[in-house]
Amino acid sequence: ERVIRAVRAGARGFILKDIEPLELRAALRSVLTSGYYHTDLVHHTMLNSSMRTEEEKTRAKLLARLTENEVRFLELICDDRELTYEQVAEEMGVHRRTVDGYREHICNKLKVRS
């Protein structure tokens, strides 16, 4: 987390406290010549963070397409109680066919088949 914050704040390099003297010299040279230096660990951390951020953005965009009732439907079918569609309809106060419509709309909006 600190690594990501430092890079976002404009850090050109990030080294660990236990860096070897030769690696420190290489890091300084790298910053002077290329403008940045990151260890493999830092690079990996940054990649994972950006991927996670992109996944979160994608998930948020997909969920934003759903209506409040469609989200509620998803919450109920994913519930630990393992409700049937009949029970979901009863819980939501709608007809069973309405629940089928929620499922169909969700599949269409999220471009999934089942």
N, C-alpha and C. Protein backbone atom coordinates (compact mmCIF):
# COMPACT_ATOMS: atom_id res chain seq x y z
N GLU A 1 0.83 -1.20 0.00
CA GLU A 1 0.00 0.00 0.00
C GLU A 1 0.87 1.25 0.00
N ARG A 2 1.92 1.26 0.81
CA ARG A 2 2.81 2.42 0.85
C ARG A 2 3.50 2.63 -0.49
N VAL A 3 3.86 1.52 -1.11
CA VAL A 3 4.53 1.60 -2.42
C VAL A 3 3.62 2.30 -3.41
N ILE A 4 2.38 1.89 -3.48
CA ILE A 4 1.43 2.46 -4.43
C ILE A 4 1.22 3.94 -4.14
N ARG A 5 1.07 4.28 -2.87
CA ARG A 5 0.88 5.70 -2.51
C ARG A 5 2.09 6.53 -2.91
N ALA A 6 3.29 5.99 -2.68
CA ALA A 6 4.51 6.72 -3.02
C ALA A 6 4.60 6.96 -4.52
N VAL A 7 4.32 5.93 -5.30
CA VAL A 7 4.38 6.06 -6.76
C VAL A 7 3.33 7.04 -7.25
N ARG A 8 2.13 6.95 -6.72
CA ARG A 8 1.07 7.88 -7.12
C ARG A 8 1.41 9.32 -6.73
N ALA A 9 2.19 9.47 -5.66
CA ALA A 9 2.59 10.80 -5.22
C ALA A 9 3.76 11.34 -6.04
N GLY A 10 4.31 10.51 -6.94
CA GLY A 10 5.37 10.98 -7.82
C GLY A 10 6.74 10.40 -7.56
N ALA A 11 6.85 9.40 -6.70
CA ALA A 11 8.16 8.79 -6.44
C ALA A 11 8.73 8.21 -7.73
N ARG A 12 10.00 8.49 -7.97
CA ARG A 12 10.66 8.00 -9.19
C ARG A 12 11.30 6.64 -8.96
N GLY A 13 11.42 6.28 -7.71
CA GLY A 13 12.01 4.99 -7.38
C GLY A 13 11.59 4.58 -5.99
N PHE A 14 11.75 3.33 -5.73
CA PHE A 14 11.38 2.82 -4.42
C PHE A 14 12.36 1.71 -4.09
N ILE A 15 13.11 1.89 -3.01
CA ILE A 15 14.07 0.87 -2.60
C ILE A 15 13.75 0.45 -1.17
N LEU A 16 14.16 -0.76 -0.85
CA LEU A 16 13.94 -1.28 0.49
C LEU A 16 15.12 -0.93 1.38
N LYS A 17 14.92 -0.91 2.68
CA LYS A 17 15.97 -0.53 3.62
C LYS A 17 17.18 -1.46 3.57
N ASP A 18 16.96 -2.71 3.26
CA ASP A 18 18.06 -3.68 3.28
C ASP A 18 18.76 -3.81 1.92
N ILE A 19 18.70 -2.78 1.09
CA ILE A 19 19.30 -2.83 -0.24
C ILE A 19 20.82 -2.95 -0.13
N GLU A 20 21.41 -3.73 -1.00
CA GLU A 20 22.86 -3.90 -1.06
C GLU A 20 23.47 -2.66 -1.70
N PRO A 21 24.71 -2.31 -1.31
CA PRO A 21 25.35 -1.11 -1.87
C PRO A 21 25.43 -1.11 -3.40
N LEU A 22 25.73 -2.24 -4.01
CA LEU A 22 25.80 -2.29 -5.48
C LEU A 22 24.44 -2.04 -6.11
N GLU A 23 23.42 -2.58 -5.50
CA GLU A 23 22.07 -2.38 -6.03
C GLU A 23 21.64 -0.92 -5.85
N LEU A 24 22.06 -0.30 -4.74
CA LEU A 24 21.75 1.11 -4.51
C LEU A 24 22.38 1.97 -5.60
N ARG A 25 23.65 1.69 -5.93
CA ARG A 25 24.31 2.44 -7.00
C ARG A 25 23.58 2.25 -8.32
N ALA A 26 23.18 1.01 -8.60
CA ALA A 26 22.45 0.73 -9.84
C ALA A 26 21.11 1.48 -9.85
N ALA A 27 20.47 1.54 -8.70
CA ALA A 27 19.19 2.25 -8.61
C ALA A 27 19.37 3.73 -8.88
N LEU A 28 20.42 4.32 -8.30
CA LEU A 28 20.69 5.74 -8.53
C LEU A 28 21.00 6.01 -10.00
N ARG A 29 21.82 5.13 -10.60
CA ARG A 29 22.13 5.28 -12.03
C ARG A 29 20.86 5.19 -12.86
N SER A 30 20.00 4.26 -12.51
CA SER A 30 18.76 4.07 -13.25
C SER A 30 17.87 5.31 -13.18
N VAL A 31 17.78 5.90 -12.00
CA VAL A 31 16.96 7.11 -11.85
C VAL A 31 17.56 8.25 -12.67
N LEU A 32 18.90 8.35 -12.67
CA LEU A 32 19.55 9.42 -13.43
C LEU A 32 19.40 9.23 -14.94
N THR A 33 19.47 7.99 -15.41
CA THR A 33 19.42 7.77 -16.86
C THR A 33 18.01 7.61 -17.40
N SER A 34 17.18 6.83 -16.71
CA SER A 34 15.84 6.55 -17.25
C SER A 34 14.73 7.33 -16.55
N GLY A 35 15.04 7.88 -15.39
CA GLY A 35 14.04 8.65 -14.68
C GLY A 35 13.29 7.88 -13.60
N TYR A 36 13.54 6.57 -13.51
CA TYR A 36 12.86 5.79 -12.47
C TYR A 36 13.64 4.52 -12.15
N TYR A 37 13.31 3.92 -11.00
CA TYR A 37 13.87 2.63 -10.60
C TYR A 37 12.87 1.93 -9.70
N HIS A 38 12.57 0.70 -10.05
CA HIS A 38 11.69 -0.11 -9.21
C HIS A 38 12.23 -1.53 -9.18
N THR A 39 12.23 -2.13 -8.01
CA THR A 39 12.61 -3.54 -7.90
C THR A 39 11.52 -4.39 -8.51
N ASP A 40 11.82 -5.66 -8.74
CA ASP A 40 10.81 -6.58 -9.27
C ASP A 40 9.61 -6.65 -8.35
N LEU A 41 9.87 -6.64 -7.04
CA LEU A 41 8.77 -6.70 -6.07
C LEU A 41 7.86 -5.48 -6.20
N VAL A 42 8.44 -4.31 -6.33
CA VAL A 42 7.65 -3.08 -6.48
C VAL A 42 6.88 -3.12 -7.80
N HIS A 43 7.55 -3.53 -8.85
CA HIS A 43 6.90 -3.62 -10.16
C HIS A 43 5.70 -4.57 -10.10
N HIS A 44 5.90 -5.73 -9.49
CA HIS A 44 4.83 -6.72 -9.34
C HIS A 44 3.68 -6.15 -8.51
N THR A 45 4.01 -5.45 -7.43
CA THR A 45 2.98 -4.85 -6.57
C THR A 45 2.16 -3.83 -7.35
N MET A 46 2.85 -3.01 -8.16
CA MET A 46 2.15 -1.99 -8.95
C MET A 46 1.24 -2.64 -9.99
N LEU A 47 1.72 -3.69 -10.64
CA LEU A 47 0.89 -4.37 -11.64
C LEU A 47 -0.35 -4.97 -11.00
N ASN A 48 -0.17 -5.65 -9.88
CA ASN A 48 -1.31 -6.25 -9.19
C ASN A 48 -2.30 -5.19 -8.75
N SER A 49 -1.81 -4.06 -8.28
CA SER A 49 -2.69 -2.99 -7.83
C SER A 49 -3.48 -2.42 -8.99
N SER A 50 -2.83 -2.19 -10.12
CA SER A 50 -3.55 -1.61 -11.26
C SER A 50 -4.54 -2.61 -11.82
N MET A 51 -4.20 -3.90 -11.81
CA MET A 51 -5.15 -4.91 -12.28
C MET A 51 -6.35 -4.95 -11.35
N ARG A 52 -6.09 -4.92 -10.06
CA ARG A 52 -7.18 -4.96 -9.09
C ARG A 52 -8.07 -3.73 -9.27
N THR A 53 -7.44 -2.58 -9.49
CA THR A 53 -8.20 -1.35 -9.68
C THR A 53 -9.05 -1.46 -10.94
N GLU A 54 -8.50 -1.99 -12.02
CA GLU A 54 -9.26 -2.14 -13.26
C GLU A 54 -10.42 -3.11 -13.06
N GLU A 55 -10.16 -4.21 -12.34
CA GLU A 55 -11.23 -5.17 -12.06
C GLU A 55 -12.35 -4.51 -11.27
N GLU A 56 -11.97 -3.70 -10.28
CA GLU A 56 -12.97 -3.01 -9.47
C GLU A 56 -13.77 -2.03 -10.32
N LYS A 57 -13.09 -1.31 -11.21
CA LYS A 57 -13.79 -0.37 -12.09
C LYS A 57 -14.76 -1.11 -13.00
N THR A 58 -14.30 -2.22 -13.57
CA THR A 58 -15.15 -3.01 -14.46
C THR A 58 -16.36 -3.53 -13.70
N ARG A 59 -16.13 -4.06 -12.51
CA ARG A 59 -17.22 -4.59 -11.69
C ARG A 59 -18.22 -3.48 -11.36
N ALA A 60 -17.70 -2.31 -11.00
CA ALA A 60 -18.58 -1.19 -10.65
C ALA A 60 -19.41 -0.75 -11.86
N LYS A 61 -18.79 -0.73 -13.04
CA LYS A 61 -19.52 -0.34 -14.26
C LYS A 61 -20.63 -1.34 -14.56
N LEU A 62 -20.32 -2.62 -14.41
CA LEU A 62 -21.33 -3.65 -14.67
C LEU A 62 -22.48 -3.54 -13.68
N LEU A 63 -22.15 -3.37 -12.41
CA LEU A 63 -23.20 -3.27 -11.40
C LEU A 63 -24.04 -2.01 -11.57
N ALA A 64 -23.43 -0.96 -12.09
CA ALA A 64 -24.17 0.29 -12.31
C ALA A 64 -25.26 0.12 -13.36
N ARG A 65 -25.12 -0.87 -14.22
CA ARG A 65 -26.12 -1.14 -15.25
C ARG A 65 -27.39 -1.77 -14.67
N LEU A 66 -27.26 -2.37 -13.50
CA LEU A 66 -28.37 -3.11 -12.92
C LEU A 66 -29.29 -2.20 -12.12
N THR A 67 -30.58 -2.53 -12.16
CA THR A 67 -31.54 -1.78 -11.36
C THR A 67 -31.44 -2.24 -9.91
N GLU A 68 -32.07 -1.49 -9.04
CA GLU A 68 -32.09 -1.84 -7.62
C GLU A 68 -32.71 -3.23 -7.41
N ASN A 69 -33.79 -3.52 -8.13
CA ASN A 69 -34.44 -4.83 -8.00
C ASN A 69 -33.55 -5.96 -8.53
N GLU A 70 -32.82 -5.71 -9.58
CA GLU A 70 -31.92 -6.74 -10.12
C GLU A 70 -30.79 -7.04 -9.14
N VAL A 71 -30.27 -6.01 -8.50
CA VAL A 71 -29.23 -6.21 -7.49
C VAL A 71 -29.80 -6.98 -6.31
N ARG A 72 -31.01 -6.62 -5.88
CA ARG A 72 -31.66 -7.33 -4.77
C ARG A 72 -31.88 -8.80 -5.13
N PHE A 73 -32.29 -9.06 -6.37
CA PHE A 73 -32.46 -10.43 -6.85
C PHE A 73 -31.14 -11.20 -6.72
N LEU A 74 -30.05 -10.59 -7.17
CA LEU A 74 -28.74 -11.25 -7.07
C LEU A 74 -28.37 -11.53 -5.62
N GLU A 75 -28.62 -10.56 -4.75
CA GLU A 75 -28.32 -10.76 -3.33
C GLU A 75 -29.08 -11.95 -2.77
N LEU A 76 -30.34 -12.06 -3.15
CA LEU A 76 -31.17 -13.15 -2.62
C LEU A 76 -30.79 -14.51 -3.17
N ILE A 77 -30.46 -14.59 -4.47
CA ILE A 77 -30.11 -15.91 -5.00
C ILE A 77 -28.72 -16.35 -4.55
N CYS A 78 -27.91 -15.39 -4.10
CA CYS A 78 -26.58 -15.72 -3.59
C CYS A 78 -26.57 -15.88 -2.07
N ASP A 79 -27.72 -15.73 -1.47
CA ASP A 79 -27.89 -15.81 -0.02
C ASP A 79 -27.55 -17.22 0.46
N ASP A 80 -27.03 -17.32 1.67
CA ASP A 80 -26.71 -18.62 2.27
C ASP A 80 -27.93 -19.52 2.43
N ARG A 81 -29.11 -18.94 2.41
CA ARG A 81 -30.33 -19.73 2.59
C ARG A 81 -30.66 -20.56 1.35
N GLU A 82 -30.00 -20.27 0.23
CA GLU A 82 -30.22 -21.01 -1.02
C GLU A 82 -31.70 -21.02 -1.40
N LEU A 83 -32.25 -19.84 -1.54
CA LEU A 83 -33.67 -19.69 -1.86
C LEU A 83 -33.98 -20.14 -3.28
N THR A 84 -35.17 -20.70 -3.45
CA THR A 84 -35.66 -21.00 -4.80
C THR A 84 -36.16 -19.70 -5.42
N TYR A 85 -36.42 -19.72 -6.73
CA TYR A 85 -36.96 -18.53 -7.38
C TYR A 85 -38.33 -18.17 -6.81
N GLU A 86 -39.10 -19.18 -6.44
CA GLU A 86 -40.40 -18.93 -5.81
C GLU A 86 -40.21 -18.16 -4.50
N GLN A 87 -39.24 -18.59 -3.70
CA GLN A 87 -38.99 -17.93 -2.42
C GLN A 87 -38.44 -16.52 -2.62
N VAL A 88 -37.60 -16.35 -3.64
CA VAL A 88 -37.07 -15.03 -3.96
C VAL A 88 -38.22 -14.10 -4.33
N ALA A 89 -39.12 -14.59 -5.17
CA ALA A 89 -40.28 -13.79 -5.59
C ALA A 89 -41.10 -13.38 -4.37
N GLU A 90 -41.33 -14.33 -3.48
CA GLU A 90 -42.10 -14.04 -2.27
C GLU A 90 -41.39 -13.00 -1.41
N GLU A 91 -40.09 -13.18 -1.24
CA GLU A 91 -39.30 -12.25 -0.43
C GLU A 91 -39.31 -10.84 -1.02
N MET A 92 -39.31 -10.75 -2.35
CA MET A 92 -39.30 -9.45 -3.02
C MET A 92 -40.70 -8.88 -3.20
N GLY A 93 -41.71 -9.70 -2.97
CA GLY A 93 -43.08 -9.25 -3.13
C GLY A 93 -43.48 -9.07 -4.58
N VAL A 94 -42.95 -9.95 -5.44
CA VAL A 94 -43.27 -9.89 -6.87
C VAL A 94 -43.68 -11.27 -7.35
N HIS A 95 -44.17 -11.34 -8.56
CA HIS A 95 -44.58 -12.60 -9.18
C HIS A 95 -43.34 -13.38 -9.61
N ARG A 96 -43.47 -14.68 -9.66
CA ARG A 96 -42.37 -15.56 -10.07
C ARG A 96 -41.83 -15.19 -11.44
N ARG A 97 -42.73 -14.83 -12.37
CA ARG A 97 -42.30 -14.46 -13.73
C ARG A 97 -41.49 -13.17 -13.73
N THR A 98 -41.74 -12.30 -12.77
CA THR A 98 -40.96 -11.07 -12.65
C THR A 98 -39.51 -11.41 -12.29
N VAL A 99 -39.35 -12.39 -11.42
CA VAL A 99 -38.02 -12.86 -11.04
C VAL A 99 -37.29 -13.42 -12.26
N ASP A 100 -38.02 -14.18 -13.09
CA ASP A 100 -37.42 -14.68 -14.33
C ASP A 100 -36.95 -13.53 -15.21
N GLY A 101 -37.74 -12.46 -15.24
CA GLY A 101 -37.38 -11.28 -16.01
C GLY A 101 -36.11 -10.62 -15.48
N TYR A 102 -35.99 -10.54 -14.16
CA TYR A 102 -34.77 -9.98 -13.56
C TYR A 102 -33.55 -10.79 -14.02
N ARG A 103 -33.68 -12.12 -13.93
CA ARG A 103 -32.58 -12.99 -14.32
C ARG A 103 -32.20 -12.75 -15.79
N GLU A 104 -33.20 -12.70 -16.64
CA GLU A 104 -32.96 -12.51 -18.07
C GLU A 104 -32.31 -11.15 -18.35
N HIS A 105 -32.81 -10.11 -17.71
CA HIS A 105 -32.24 -8.77 -17.91
C HIS A 105 -30.79 -8.71 -17.43
N ILE A 106 -30.52 -9.34 -16.30
CA ILE A 106 -29.15 -9.36 -15.77
C ILE A 106 -28.22 -10.06 -16.76
N CYS A 107 -28.64 -11.21 -17.25
CA CYS A 107 -27.82 -11.95 -18.22
C CYS A 107 -27.55 -11.12 -19.47
N ASN A 108 -28.57 -10.43 -19.95
CA ASN A 108 -28.40 -9.58 -21.14
C ASN A 108 -27.46 -8.41 -20.86
N LYS A 109 -27.67 -7.74 -19.74
CA LYS A 109 -26.85 -6.57 -19.42
C LYS A 109 -25.39 -6.93 -19.18
N LEU A 110 -25.17 -8.08 -18.55
CA LEU A 110 -23.80 -8.49 -18.23
C LEU A 110 -23.19 -9.38 -19.31
N LYS A 111 -23.98 -9.65 -20.35
CA LYS A 111 -23.54 -10.46 -21.49
C LYS A 111 -23.05 -11.85 -21.05
N VAL A 112 -23.89 -12.49 -20.23
CA VAL A 112 -23.63 -13.86 -19.80
C VAL A 112 -24.81 -14.72 -20.21
N ARG A 113 -24.56 -16.02 -20.32
CA ARG A 113 -25.62 -16.92 -20.77
C ARG A 113 -26.39 -17.55 -19.63
N SER A 114 -25.75 -17.74 -18.52
CA SER A 114 -26.45 -18.38 -17.39
C SER A 114 -25.85 -17.94 -16.08
